[in-house]
Amino acid sequence: MLKLLIAVDGSDHARHAVEAAARLAKDTHGVEAMLINVREDPGYYGELPPVDYDSIERSLRVQQEALLESAAAQARVQGLQKVTTMAVVGAIAAEIVRVAAEYKFDLIVMGT
């Protein structure tokens, strides 16, 4: 089984990456795909009351999950059947590489 890690960020480039992965899946028997979105931890300057920090974090998580749900729907329409998602916070490149190594993906698919 070929394991693909597809980085998505809501851009046209990311949508093209999902399409490319789906084309690859059509030519390969048994493909498992994980869509990953990594958002950087926002920098806060000055003091924020805990309630403000929590509401900002909650809003960012909701946006990240919505982005992943949309990308997963696109992936299924394109023909990828085994699709999971992962939302991560951290340094984008480092987290993509870390997840790829940790879950032993065969290929990282990215738009740019």
C-alpha atoms as a PDB file:
ATOM      1  CA  MET A   1       0.000   0.000   0.000  1.00  0.00           C
ATOM      2  CA  LEU A   2       1.333   3.418  -1.012  1.00  0.00           C
ATOM      3  CA  LYS A   3       1.033   5.978   1.791  1.00  0.00           C
ATOM      4  CA  LEU A   4       0.722   9.625   0.742  1.00  0.00           C
ATOM      5  CA  LEU A   5       0.973  12.677   2.990  1.00  0.00           C
ATOM      6  CA  ILE A   6      -0.721  15.614   1.269  1.00  0.00           C
ATOM      7  CA  ALA A   7      -0.073  19.089   2.669  1.00  0.00           C
ATOM      8  CA  VAL A   8      -3.078  21.394   2.264  1.00  0.00           C
ATOM      9  CA  ASP A   9      -3.580  25.048   3.085  1.00  0.00           C
ATOM     10  CA  GLY A  10      -6.702  25.989   1.136  1.00  0.00           C
ATOM     11  CA  SER A  11      -4.768  27.422  -1.813  1.00  0.00           C
ATOM     12  CA  ASP A  12      -5.182  26.557  -5.497  1.00  0.00           C
ATOM     13  CA  HIS A  13      -1.743  24.928  -5.327  1.00  0.00           C
ATOM     14  CA  ALA A  14      -2.947  22.606  -2.557  1.00  0.00           C
ATOM     15  CA  ARG A  15      -6.042  21.693  -4.572  1.00  0.00           C
ATOM     16  CA  HIS A  16      -3.771  20.803  -7.488  1.00  0.00           C
ATOM     17  CA  ALA A  17      -1.695  18.630  -5.134  1.00  0.00           C
ATOM     18  CA  VAL A  18      -4.832  16.690  -4.150  1.00  0.00           C
ATOM     19  CA  GLU A  19      -5.698  16.256  -7.832  1.00  0.00           C
ATOM     20  CA  ALA A  20      -2.172  15.008  -8.602  1.00  0.00           C
ATOM     21  CA  ALA A  21      -2.351  12.536  -5.717  1.00  0.00           C
ATOM     22  CA  ALA A  22      -5.697  11.260  -7.009  1.00  0.00           C
ATOM     23  CA  ARG A  23      -4.220  10.726 -10.483  1.00  0.00           C
ATOM     24  CA  LEU A  24      -1.350   8.799  -8.911  1.00  0.00           C
ATOM     25  CA  ALA A  25      -3.831   6.700  -6.947  1.00  0.00           C
ATOM     26  CA  LYS A  26      -5.630   5.694 -10.143  1.00  0.00           C
ATOM     27  CA  ASP A  27      -2.377   4.218 -11.440  1.00  0.00           C
ATOM     28  CA  THR A  28      -1.438   2.540  -8.164  1.00  0.00           C
ATOM     29  CA  HIS A  29      -3.171  -0.344  -6.438  1.00  0.00           C
ATOM     30  CA  GLY A  30      -3.925   0.521  -2.826  1.00  0.00           C
ATOM     31  CA  VAL A  31      -3.358   4.113  -1.772  1.00  0.00           C
ATOM     32  CA  GLU A  32      -3.808   5.549   1.699  1.00  0.00           C
ATOM     33  CA  ALA A  33      -3.749   9.354   2.001  1.00  0.00           C
ATOM     34  CA  MET A  34      -3.523  11.703   4.945  1.00  0.00           C
ATOM     35  CA  LEU A  35      -4.258  15.380   4.479  1.00  0.00           C
ATOM     36  CA  ILE A  36      -2.236  17.550   6.830  1.00  0.00           C
ATOM     37  CA  ASN A  37      -2.643  21.211   7.627  1.00  0.00           C
ATOM     38  CA  VAL A  38      -0.010  22.866   9.760  1.00  0.00           C
ATOM     39  CA  ARG A  39      -0.651  26.284  11.198  1.00  0.00           C
ATOM     40  CA  GLU A  40       1.983  28.276  12.948  1.00  0.00           C
ATOM     41  CA  ASP A  41       1.373  29.183  16.544  1.00  0.00           C
ATOM     42  CA  PRO A  42       0.332  32.837  16.377  1.00  0.00           C
ATOM     43  CA  GLY A  43       2.632  35.261  18.092  1.00  0.00           C
ATOM     44  CA  TYR A  44       0.961  37.434  20.676  1.00  0.00           C
ATOM     45  CA  TYR A  45       2.493  40.717  21.681  1.00  0.00           C
ATOM     46  CA  GLY A  46       1.485  42.322  24.922  1.00  0.00           C
ATOM     47  CA  GLU A  47      -0.943  40.835  27.372  1.00  0.00           C
ATOM     48  CA  LEU A  48      -4.091  38.977  26.467  1.00  0.00           C
ATOM     49  CA  PRO A  49      -6.641  37.883  28.998  1.00  0.00           C
ATOM     50  CA  PRO A  50      -6.973  34.069  29.041  1.00  0.00           C
ATOM     51  CA  VAL A  51     -10.498  34.250  27.646  1.00  0.00           C
ATOM     52  CA  ASP A  52      -9.266  36.179  24.576  1.00  0.00           C
ATOM     53  CA  TYR A  53      -6.415  33.742  23.988  1.00  0.00           C
ATOM     54  CA  ASP A  54      -8.808  30.782  24.272  1.00  0.00           C
ATOM     55  CA  SER A  55     -11.328  32.306  21.872  1.00  0.00           C
ATOM     56  CA  ILE A  56      -8.600  33.063  19.321  1.00  0.00           C
ATOM     57  CA  GLU A  57      -7.225  29.508  19.570  1.00  0.00           C
ATOM     58  CA  ARG A  58     -10.726  28.030  19.306  1.00  0.00           C
ATOM     59  CA  SER A  59     -11.441  30.112  16.191  1.00  0.00           C
ATOM     60  CA  LEU A  60      -8.159  29.052  14.570  1.00  0.00           C
ATOM     61  CA  ARG A  61      -8.884  25.363  15.291  1.00  0.00           C
ATOM     62  CA  VAL A  62     -12.373  25.672  13.782  1.00  0.00           C
ATOM     63  CA  GLN A  63     -10.923  27.280  10.636  1.00  0.00           C
ATOM     64  CA  GLN A  64      -8.247  24.590  10.387  1.00  0.00           C
ATOM     65  CA  GLU A  65     -10.791  21.770  10.744  1.00  0.00           C
ATOM     66  CA  ALA A  66     -13.083  23.362   8.128  1.00  0.00           C
ATOM     67  CA  LEU A  67     -10.156  23.615   5.709  1.00  0.00           C
ATOM     68  CA  LEU A  68      -9.318  19.930   6.262  1.00  0.00           C
ATOM     69  CA  GLU A  69     -12.952  18.835   5.857  1.00  0.00           C
ATOM     70  CA  SER A  70     -13.184  20.715   2.556  1.00  0.00           C
ATOM     71  CA  ALA A  71      -9.909  19.197   1.298  1.00  0.00           C
ATOM     72  CA  ALA A  72     -11.037  15.688   2.347  1.00  0.00           C
ATOM     73  CA  ALA A  73     -14.310  16.123   0.462  1.00  0.00           C
ATOM     74  CA  GLN A  74     -12.364  17.202  -2.623  1.00  0.00           C
ATOM     75  CA  ALA A  75     -10.022  14.214  -2.268  1.00  0.00           C
ATOM     76  CA  ARG A  76     -12.954  11.787  -2.123  1.00  0.00           C
ATOM     77  CA  VAL A  77     -14.590  13.387  -5.167  1.00  0.00           C
ATOM     78  CA  GLN A  78     -11.272  13.030  -6.996  1.00  0.00           C
ATOM     79  CA  GLY A  79     -11.248   9.310  -6.210  1.00  0.00           C
ATOM     80  CA  LEU A  80      -9.105   8.952  -3.083  1.00  0.00           C
ATOM     81  CA  GLN A  81     -11.044   6.530  -0.902  1.00  0.00           C
ATOM     82  CA  LYS A  82      -8.836   6.037   2.158  1.00  0.00           C
ATOM     83  CA  VAL A  83      -8.435   9.601   3.410  1.00  0.00           C
ATOM     84  CA  THR A  84      -7.697  10.825   6.924  1.00  0.00           C
ATOM     85  CA  THR A  85      -6.861  14.304   8.176  1.00  0.00           C
ATOM     86  CA  MET A  86      -4.492  15.791  10.724  1.00  0.00           C
ATOM     87  CA  ALA A  87      -4.393  19.314  12.144  1.00  0.00           C
ATOM     88  CA  VAL A  88      -1.023  20.348  13.572  1.00  0.00           C
ATOM     89  CA  VAL A  89       0.411  23.501  15.140  1.00  0.00           C
ATOM     90  CA  GLY A  90       4.082  24.340  14.727  1.00  0.00           C
ATOM     91  CA  ALA A  91       6.759  25.176  12.187  1.00  0.00           C
ATOM     92  CA  ILE A  92       5.206  24.149   8.885  1.00  0.00           C
ATOM     93  CA  ALA A  93       8.107  22.424   7.113  1.00  0.00           C
ATOM     94  CA  ALA A  94       9.391  20.757  10.273  1.00  0.00           C
ATOM     95  CA  GLU A  95       5.967  19.392  11.210  1.00  0.00           C
ATOM     96  CA  ILE A  96       5.298  17.992   7.738  1.00  0.00           C
ATOM     97  CA  VAL A  97       8.640  16.167   7.800  1.00  0.00           C
ATOM     98  CA  ARG A  98       8.084  14.977  11.381  1.00  0.00           C
ATOM     99  CA  VAL A  99       4.649  13.534  10.608  1.00  0.00           C
ATOM    100  CA  ALA A 100       5.926  11.928   7.392  1.00  0.00           C
ATOM    101  CA  ALA A 101       8.698  10.171   9.304  1.00  0.00           C
ATOM    102  CA  GLU A 102       6.578   9.255  12.330  1.00  0.00           C
ATOM    103  CA  TYR A 103       3.809   7.649  10.262  1.00  0.00           C
ATOM    104  CA  LYS A 104       6.218   6.244   7.652  1.00  0.00           C
ATOM    105  CA  PHE A 105       4.697   7.876   4.576  1.00  0.00           C
ATOM    106  CA  ASP A 106       6.148   6.918   1.216  1.00  0.00           C
ATOM    107  CA  LEU A 107       5.593  10.282  -0.448  1.00  0.00           C
ATOM    108  CA  ILE A 108       4.864  13.882   0.508  1.00  0.00           C
ATOM    109  CA  VAL A 109       2.612  15.675  -1.981  1.00  0.00           C
ATOM    110  CA  MET A 110       2.628  19.492  -1.946  1.00  0.00           C
ATOM    111  CA  GLY A 111       1.426  22.246  -4.233  1.00  0.00           C
ATOM    112  CA  THR A 112       4.591  24.331  -3.969  1.00  0.00           C
END
